[in-house]
């Protein structure tokens, strides 16, 4: 009975229901047509432990056998995921690509049909300003209506692969974003590993004279013991 009454009420208000549906559907359709198209691209970086390094460190007792695995732990995966979008990685991307974003005042004007075509071709730098780290890596619901370049990084599930994903106003810029970000991350990671190797080499060089002296002293003591035993044997 209640359902029948509800259907009767909806039928009596069918014009209002149709109007609401038309407004919502028309608004979404207009927003879809007028909003700037965004292109998405991705790039992947494979991360692993060097088996050669683990073997070398274990031989000189600076590493354990459990650290010899090439796969990453959960903590390392989370660390790499956070490191990929830190300021030292993202800032070189912004500088190299000279990233800029449109001001919202310009994006509102571009909702007028054909205005975006005119501004992109004849006034490409009007009402644009340099992007910063927060604008490139943070995204909210507002950016669906007022899009801007965006970059994020996440570890793929069940794989030691770091995936960079970007969205931009052109496919060329989207691809340049992820490729430059992957290169910046690799450069940062390589610099950190090179720093570790330099510190390890400095520590080894510092301990080597002491180890050499201890080795020579042990050889001398062993030689004295062997001479003493040989003399006792002759007696």
Protein backbone atom coordinates (compact mmCIF):
# COMPACT_ATOMS: atom_id res chain seq x y z
CA UNK A 1 0.00 0.00 0.00
CA UNK A 2 2.76 2.42 0.93
CA UNK A 3 4.65 1.63 -2.28
CA UNK A 4 1.56 2.31 -4.36
CA UNK A 5 1.10 5.67 -2.66
CA UNK A 6 4.73 6.53 -3.21
CA UNK A 7 4.45 5.70 -6.91
CA UNK A 8 1.32 7.83 -7.18
CA UNK A 9 3.14 10.73 -5.51
CA UNK A 10 6.08 10.41 -7.87
CA UNK A 11 3.75 10.24 -10.85
CA UNK A 12 1.96 13.39 -9.77
CA UNK A 13 5.34 15.10 -9.41
CA UNK A 14 6.73 13.62 -12.61
CA UNK A 15 7.41 17.03 -14.13
CA UNK A 16 9.46 18.07 -11.08
CA UNK A 17 11.37 14.76 -11.08
CA UNK A 18 12.12 15.10 -14.78
CA UNK A 19 13.27 18.70 -14.26
CA UNK A 20 15.64 17.69 -11.44
CA UNK A 21 17.03 14.84 -13.52
CA UNK A 22 17.48 17.12 -16.53
CA UNK A 23 19.30 19.75 -14.46
CA UNK A 24 21.67 17.22 -12.88
CA UNK A 25 22.34 15.29 -16.09
CA UNK A 26 22.66 18.46 -18.14
CA UNK A 27 25.02 20.01 -15.63
CA UNK A 28 27.27 16.95 -15.60
CA UNK A 29 27.23 16.77 -19.39
CA UNK A 30 28.08 20.47 -19.72
CA UNK A 31 30.87 20.15 -17.13
CA UNK A 32 32.29 17.16 -18.98
CA UNK A 33 32.27 19.01 -22.30
CA UNK A 34 33.64 22.30 -20.96
CA UNK A 35 36.29 21.01 -18.53
CA UNK A 36 39.82 20.72 -19.85
CA UNK A 37 40.82 17.24 -20.99
CA UNK A 38 43.43 15.56 -18.81
CA UNK A 39 45.83 12.88 -20.08
CA UNK A 40 47.21 10.18 -17.80
CA UNK A 41 50.60 8.48 -18.09
CA UNK A 42 52.69 6.16 -15.93
CA UNK A 43 56.29 4.95 -15.58
CA UNK A 44 57.66 2.08 -13.50
CA UNK A 45 60.96 1.64 -11.62
CA UNK A 46 62.14 -1.78 -10.47
CA UNK A 47 63.71 -1.83 -6.99
CA UNK A 48 65.85 -4.63 -5.59
CA UNK A 49 68.79 -5.38 -3.32
CA UNK A 50 72.11 -6.03 -5.03
CA UNK A 51 73.08 -9.64 -4.40
CA UNK A 52 76.74 -8.80 -5.08
CA UNK A 53 76.73 -6.12 -2.38
CA UNK A 54 75.05 -8.43 0.13
CA UNK A 55 77.60 -11.19 -0.57
CA UNK A 56 80.53 -8.79 -0.21
CA UNK A 57 79.27 -7.34 3.07
CA UNK A 58 78.55 -10.78 4.52
CA UNK A 59 82.07 -11.93 3.69
CA UNK A 60 83.58 -9.10 5.69
CA UNK A 61 81.05 -9.59 8.52
CA UNK A 62 79.25 -6.28 7.91
CA UNK A 63 75.97 -7.88 6.94
CA UNK A 64 73.92 -10.89 7.94
CA UNK A 65 72.71 -13.75 5.82
CA UNK A 66 69.09 -12.65 6.25
CA UNK A 67 69.85 -9.37 4.47
CA UNK A 68 71.03 -11.15 1.33
CA UNK A 69 67.55 -11.39 -0.21
CA UNK A 70 66.97 -9.32 -3.33
CA UNK A 71 63.28 -8.61 -2.53
CA UNK A 72 62.20 -5.68 -0.36
CA UNK A 73 60.58 -5.85 3.06
CA UNK A 74 57.24 -4.16 3.78
CA UNK A 75 59.00 -1.36 5.65
CA UNK A 76 61.34 -0.74 2.72
CA UNK A 77 58.43 -0.69 0.27
CA UNK A 78 56.65 1.94 2.37
CA UNK A 79 59.87 3.95 2.65
CA UNK A 80 60.46 3.96 -1.11
CA UNK A 81 56.84 4.95 -1.70
CA UNK A 82 57.20 7.97 0.59
CA UNK A 83 60.65 8.87 -0.74
CA UNK A 84 59.41 8.99 -4.33
CA UNK A 85 57.36 12.15 -3.79
CA UNK A 86 59.58 14.03 -1.36
CA UNK A 87 60.90 17.53 -2.05
CA UNK A 88 64.42 16.40 -3.15
CA UNK A 89 62.82 14.21 -5.85
CA UNK A 90 59.95 16.43 -7.00
CA UNK A 91 61.71 19.82 -6.98
CA UNK A 92 64.13 18.87 -9.82
CA UNK A 93 61.11 17.75 -11.86
CA UNK A 94 59.43 21.14 -11.44
CA UNK A 95 62.62 23.00 -12.35
CA UNK A 96 63.55 20.84 -15.34
CA UNK A 97 60.08 20.97 -16.91
CA UNK A 98 59.43 24.57 -15.82
CA UNK A 99 55.95 23.55 -14.67
CA UNK A 100 53.25 26.18 -14.55
CA UNK A 101 49.56 26.06 -13.77
CA UNK A 102 46.61 28.16 -14.88
CA UNK A 103 45.06 30.48 -12.36
CA UNK A 104 41.45 29.70 -11.44
CA UNK A 105 40.32 33.05 -12.89
CA UNK A 106 41.57 31.93 -16.31
CA UNK A 107 40.02 28.48 -15.93
CA UNK A 108 36.64 30.05 -15.14
CA UNK A 109 36.88 32.21 -18.26
CA UNK A 110 37.79 29.13 -20.31
CA UNK A 111 34.41 27.58 -19.53
CA UNK A 112 33.12 29.87 -22.29
CA UNK A 113 33.15 27.81 -25.51
CA UNK A 114 36.20 28.29 -27.79
CA UNK A 115 37.98 30.59 -25.30
CA UNK A 116 40.41 27.82 -24.33
CA UNK A 117 41.44 27.34 -27.96
CA UNK A 118 42.21 31.05 -28.26
CA UNK A 119 44.18 31.30 -25.02
CA UNK A 120 46.19 28.11 -25.65
CA UNK A 121 47.22 29.17 -29.16
CA UNK A 122 47.58 32.94 -28.89
CA UNK A 123 48.16 33.59 -25.17
CA UNK A 124 49.90 30.44 -23.86
CA UNK A 125 51.50 32.18 -20.85
CA UNK A 126 48.70 34.48 -19.77
CA UNK A 127 47.53 34.12 -16.15
CA UNK A 128 49.90 31.26 -15.41
CA UNK A 129 52.26 30.96 -12.48
CA UNK A 130 55.00 28.58 -11.36
CA UNK A 131 53.88 25.43 -9.59
CA UNK A 132 55.22 24.36 -6.22
CA UNK A 133 55.69 21.00 -4.54
CA UNK A 134 52.33 20.93 -2.74
CA UNK A 135 50.35 21.79 -5.88
CA UNK A 136 52.00 19.05 -7.92
CA UNK A 137 51.61 16.25 -5.36
CA UNK A 138 48.27 17.09 -3.70
CA UNK A 139 44.89 16.64 -5.35
CA UNK A 140 41.32 17.19 -4.20
CA UNK A 141 37.78 17.22 -5.59
CA UNK A 142 38.21 20.86 -6.67
CA UNK A 143 40.87 19.84 -9.16
CA UNK A 144 38.31 17.84 -11.13
CA UNK A 145 36.66 21.14 -12.07
CA UNK A 146 39.90 23.15 -12.14
CA UNK A 147 42.48 20.60 -13.32
CA UNK A 148 46.23 21.07 -13.08
CA UNK A 149 49.30 18.83 -13.48
CA UNK A 150 49.47 16.11 -10.85
CA UNK A 151 52.05 13.50 -9.86
CA UNK A 152 51.87 10.57 -7.47
CA UNK A 153 53.89 7.43 -6.73
CA UNK A 154 52.87 4.06 -5.27
CA UNK A 155 54.35 0.60 -4.98
CA UNK A 156 52.57 -1.99 -7.08
CA UNK A 157 50.84 -4.73 -5.12
CA UNK A 158 52.88 -7.92 -4.67
CA UNK A 159 55.78 -6.52 -6.71
CA UNK A 160 58.92 -4.49 -5.96
CA UNK A 161 57.98 -1.98 -8.65
CA UNK A 162 57.46 1.71 -7.96
CA UNK A 163 54.90 3.24 -10.31
CA UNK A 164 54.76 6.97 -11.06
CA UNK A 165 51.42 8.25 -12.36
CA UNK A 166 50.73 11.72 -13.71
CA UNK A 167 47.90 13.71 -15.26
CA UNK A 168 48.35 16.82 -17.38
CA UNK A 169 46.73 18.90 -20.10
CA UNK A 170 48.69 17.13 -22.84
CA UNK A 171 50.02 13.63 -23.39
CA UNK A 172 53.53 15.00 -23.95
CA UNK A 173 53.56 16.76 -20.58
CA UNK A 174 52.08 13.73 -18.78
CA UNK A 175 54.79 11.45 -20.21
CA UNK A 176 57.51 14.00 -19.46
CA UNK A 177 56.30 14.22 -15.86
CA UNK A 178 56.53 10.50 -15.09
CA UNK A 179 59.78 9.97 -17.00
CA UNK A 180 61.48 12.94 -15.35
CA UNK A 181 60.18 11.89 -11.93
CA UNK A 182 61.49 8.33 -12.42
CA UNK A 183 64.88 9.70 -13.49
CA UNK A 184 64.99 12.11 -10.52
CA UNK A 185 64.15 9.28 -8.13
CA UNK A 186 66.84 7.05 -9.65
CA UNK A 187 69.40 9.86 -9.41
CA UNK A 188 68.49 10.48 -5.78
CA UNK A 189 68.68 6.78 -4.95
CA UNK A 190 72.02 6.42 -6.75
CA UNK A 191 73.45 9.43 -4.90
CA UNK A 192 72.39 7.92 -1.56
CA UNK A 193 73.95 4.56 -2.41
CA UNK A 194 77.16 6.21 -3.61
CA UNK A 195 77.32 8.13 -0.34
CA UNK A 196 76.96 4.88 1.59
CA UNK A 197 79.75 3.29 -0.46
CA UNK A 198 82.04 6.28 0.14
CA UNK A 199 81.40 6.10 3.88
CA UNK A 200 82.05 2.36 3.83
CA UNK A 201 85.30 2.85 1.90
CA UNK A 202 86.41 5.56 4.34
CA UNK A 203 85.64 3.31 7.31
CA UNK A 204 87.55 0.42 5.72
CA UNK A 205 90.51 2.67 4.93
CA UNK A 206 90.52 3.88 8.53
CA UNK A 207 90.45 0.38 9.99
CA UNK A 208 92.86 -1.18 7.48
CA UNK A 209 96.16 -0.01 9.12
CA UNK A 210 95.00 -1.31 12.49
CA UNK A 211 93.92 -4.63 10.98
CA UNK A 212 97.25 -4.90 9.12
CA UNK A 213 99.21 -4.20 12.31
CA UNK A 214 97.18 -6.79 14.25
CA UNK A 215 97.75 -9.32 11.45
CA UNK A 216 101.51 -8.71 11.39
CA UNK A 217 101.68 -8.95 15.19
CA UNK A 218 99.78 -12.24 15.10
CA UNK A 219 102.16 -13.59 12.46
CA UNK A 220 105.17 -12.56 14.57
CA UNK A 221 103.72 -14.21 17.68
CA UNK A 222 102.94 -17.36 15.71
CA UNK A 223 106.51 -17.42 14.36
CA UNK A 224 107.94 -17.18 17.88
CA UNK A 225 105.70 -20.03 19.05
CA UNK A 226 106.81 -22.22 16.13
CA UNK A 227 110.51 -21.53 16.82
CA UNK A 228 110.05 -22.35 20.50
CA UNK A 229 108.29 -25.61 19.72
CA UNK A 230 111.03 -26.58 17.24
CA UNK A 231 113.73 -25.87 19.82
CA UNK A 232 111.90 -27.94 22.45
CA UNK A 233 111.60 -30.79 19.99
CA UNK A 234 115.32 -30.83 19.32
CA UNK A 235 116.11 -30.88 23.02
